[in-house]
Amino acid sequence: MTNKEVLDALRQIKTYCAASALDKLNYAIEIIEKLENDGIENPLKTDFSKLADEGK
């Protein structure tokens, strides 16, 4: 599954989302968009600890 597929599905879900959960869904969409824009294609298999080490 790709980030684009997930984003498409989340955007479709927005149509049926309860108003009380809309902010949370938008936040999730923003996170996936940021990962995609940063070149992280498979976040579940990415070792983010390496990114934390780069900042030190």
N, C-alpha and C. Protein backbone atom coordinates (compact mmCIF):
# COMPACT_ATOMS: atom_id res chain seq x y z
N MET A 1 0.85 -1.16 0.00
CA MET A 1 0.00 0.00 0.00
C MET A 1 0.90 1.23 0.00
N THR A 2 0.52 2.24 -0.74
CA THR A 2 1.31 3.46 -0.82
C THR A 2 0.66 4.58 -0.02
N ASN A 3 1.46 5.60 0.27
CA ASN A 3 0.92 6.78 0.96
C ASN A 3 -0.22 7.39 0.16
N LYS A 4 -0.07 7.42 -1.17
CA LYS A 4 -1.11 8.01 -2.02
C LYS A 4 -2.42 7.26 -1.89
N GLU A 5 -2.35 5.94 -1.83
CA GLU A 5 -3.57 5.14 -1.66
C GLU A 5 -4.23 5.44 -0.32
N VAL A 6 -3.42 5.57 0.71
CA VAL A 6 -3.94 5.88 2.04
C VAL A 6 -4.58 7.26 2.05
N LEU A 7 -3.90 8.23 1.44
CA LEU A 7 -4.45 9.59 1.38
C LEU A 7 -5.78 9.61 0.65
N ASP A 8 -5.85 8.91 -0.47
CA ASP A 8 -7.11 8.84 -1.21
C ASP A 8 -8.23 8.26 -0.34
N ALA A 9 -7.93 7.19 0.39
CA ALA A 9 -8.94 6.56 1.24
C ALA A 9 -9.36 7.49 2.38
N LEU A 10 -8.39 8.15 3.01
CA LEU A 10 -8.72 9.06 4.11
C LEU A 10 -9.58 10.22 3.62
N ARG A 11 -9.29 10.71 2.44
CA ARG A 11 -10.10 11.81 1.89
C ARG A 11 -11.52 11.34 1.59
N GLN A 12 -11.67 10.11 1.16
CA GLN A 12 -13.00 9.56 0.93
C GLN A 12 -13.76 9.41 2.25
N ILE A 13 -13.05 9.00 3.28
CA ILE A 13 -13.66 8.81 4.60
C ILE A 13 -14.18 10.14 5.14
N LYS A 14 -13.50 11.25 4.79
CA LYS A 14 -13.94 12.57 5.28
C LYS A 14 -15.40 12.83 4.95
N THR A 15 -15.87 12.28 3.85
CA THR A 15 -17.26 12.48 3.44
C THR A 15 -18.23 11.95 4.50
N TYR A 16 -17.85 10.89 5.16
CA TYR A 16 -18.74 10.22 6.11
C TYR A 16 -18.33 10.44 7.57
N CYS A 17 -17.31 11.21 7.78
CA CYS A 17 -16.75 11.40 9.11
C CYS A 17 -17.66 12.28 9.98
N ALA A 18 -17.77 11.91 11.23
CA ALA A 18 -18.51 12.73 12.19
C ALA A 18 -17.76 14.04 12.39
N ALA A 19 -18.48 15.11 12.57
CA ALA A 19 -17.86 16.42 12.74
C ALA A 19 -16.88 16.43 13.92
N SER A 20 -17.18 15.67 14.95
CA SER A 20 -16.31 15.65 16.13
C SER A 20 -14.97 14.98 15.86
N ALA A 21 -14.87 14.19 14.80
CA ALA A 21 -13.62 13.50 14.48
C ALA A 21 -12.90 14.13 13.29
N LEU A 22 -13.47 15.14 12.68
CA LEU A 22 -12.91 15.71 11.46
C LEU A 22 -11.52 16.31 11.67
N ASP A 23 -11.31 17.02 12.77
CA ASP A 23 -9.98 17.58 13.05
C ASP A 23 -8.92 16.50 13.17
N LYS A 24 -9.28 15.40 13.80
CA LYS A 24 -8.34 14.29 13.98
C LYS A 24 -8.02 13.63 12.64
N LEU A 25 -9.02 13.49 11.80
CA LEU A 25 -8.81 12.91 10.48
C LEU A 25 -7.95 13.83 9.62
N ASN A 26 -8.20 15.12 9.69
CA ASN A 26 -7.37 16.08 8.95
C ASN A 26 -5.92 16.03 9.42
N TYR A 27 -5.72 15.85 10.71
CA TYR A 27 -4.37 15.74 11.27
C TYR A 27 -3.66 14.50 10.71
N ALA A 28 -4.37 13.39 10.65
CA ALA A 28 -3.79 12.16 10.09
C ALA A 28 -3.42 12.35 8.62
N ILE A 29 -4.27 13.05 7.88
CA ILE A 29 -3.99 13.32 6.47
C ILE A 29 -2.73 14.18 6.36
N GLU A 30 -2.61 15.20 7.19
CA GLU A 30 -1.43 16.05 7.17
C GLU A 30 -0.15 15.26 7.46
N ILE A 31 -0.23 14.32 8.38
CA ILE A 31 0.94 13.51 8.72
C ILE A 31 1.37 12.66 7.52
N ILE A 32 0.43 11.99 6.89
CA ILE A 32 0.76 11.15 5.73
C ILE A 32 1.29 12.01 4.59
N GLU A 33 0.70 13.20 4.38
CA GLU A 33 1.19 14.10 3.34
C GLU A 33 2.62 14.53 3.62
N LYS A 34 2.94 14.83 4.88
CA LYS A 34 4.30 15.24 5.24
C LYS A 34 5.28 14.09 5.00
N LEU A 35 4.92 12.90 5.41
CA LEU A 35 5.78 11.75 5.17
C LEU A 35 6.05 11.58 3.67
N GLU A 36 4.99 11.68 2.89
CA GLU A 36 5.11 11.54 1.43
C GLU A 36 6.02 12.63 0.87
N ASN A 37 5.81 13.86 1.29
CA ASN A 37 6.62 14.98 0.80
C ASN A 37 8.08 14.87 1.22
N ASP A 38 8.32 14.23 2.36
CA ASP A 38 9.69 14.05 2.86
C ASP A 38 10.36 12.80 2.28
N GLY A 39 9.66 12.11 1.39
CA GLY A 39 10.24 10.96 0.71
C GLY A 39 10.16 9.66 1.48
N ILE A 40 9.34 9.62 2.51
CA ILE A 40 9.19 8.39 3.29
C ILE A 40 8.01 7.63 2.69
N GLU A 41 8.34 6.64 1.89
CA GLU A 41 7.32 5.91 1.14
C GLU A 41 6.64 4.81 1.94
N ASN A 42 7.34 4.24 2.90
CA ASN A 42 6.77 3.17 3.69
C ASN A 42 7.04 3.43 5.17
N PRO A 43 6.22 4.27 5.81
CA PRO A 43 6.49 4.65 7.19
C PRO A 43 6.51 3.49 8.18
N LEU A 44 5.78 2.43 7.90
CA LEU A 44 5.76 1.31 8.84
C LEU A 44 7.06 0.52 8.84
N LYS A 45 7.84 0.66 7.79
CA LYS A 45 9.12 -0.05 7.71
C LYS A 45 10.31 0.90 7.80
N THR A 46 10.07 2.16 8.11
CA THR A 46 11.13 3.15 8.20
C THR A 46 11.69 3.19 9.61
N ASP A 47 13.02 3.23 9.70
CA ASP A 47 13.70 3.32 10.99
C ASP A 47 13.89 4.80 11.33
N PHE A 48 12.97 5.36 12.07
CA PHE A 48 13.01 6.77 12.39
C PHE A 48 14.09 7.10 13.42
N SER A 49 14.63 6.09 14.09
CA SER A 49 15.69 6.35 15.07
C SER A 49 16.92 6.91 14.37
N LYS A 50 17.15 6.54 13.14
CA LYS A 50 18.27 7.08 12.38
C LYS A 50 18.09 8.58 12.14
N LEU A 51 16.86 9.01 11.93
CA LEU A 51 16.59 10.43 11.74
C LEU A 51 16.86 11.20 13.03
N ALA A 52 16.53 10.62 14.17
CA ALA A 52 16.77 11.28 15.45
C ALA A 52 18.27 11.43 15.69
N ASP A 53 19.08 10.46 15.28
CA ASP A 53 20.52 10.51 15.45
C ASP A 53 21.15 11.61 14.61
N GLU A 54 20.57 11.90 13.44
CA GLU A 54 21.10 12.93 12.56
C GLU A 54 20.99 14.31 13.17
N GLY A 55 20.00 14.51 14.02
CA GLY A 55 19.78 15.81 14.64
C GLY A 55 20.72 16.11 15.79
N LYS A 56 21.50 15.15 16.22
CA LYS A 56 22.38 15.32 17.39
C LYS A 56 23.72 15.87 16.98
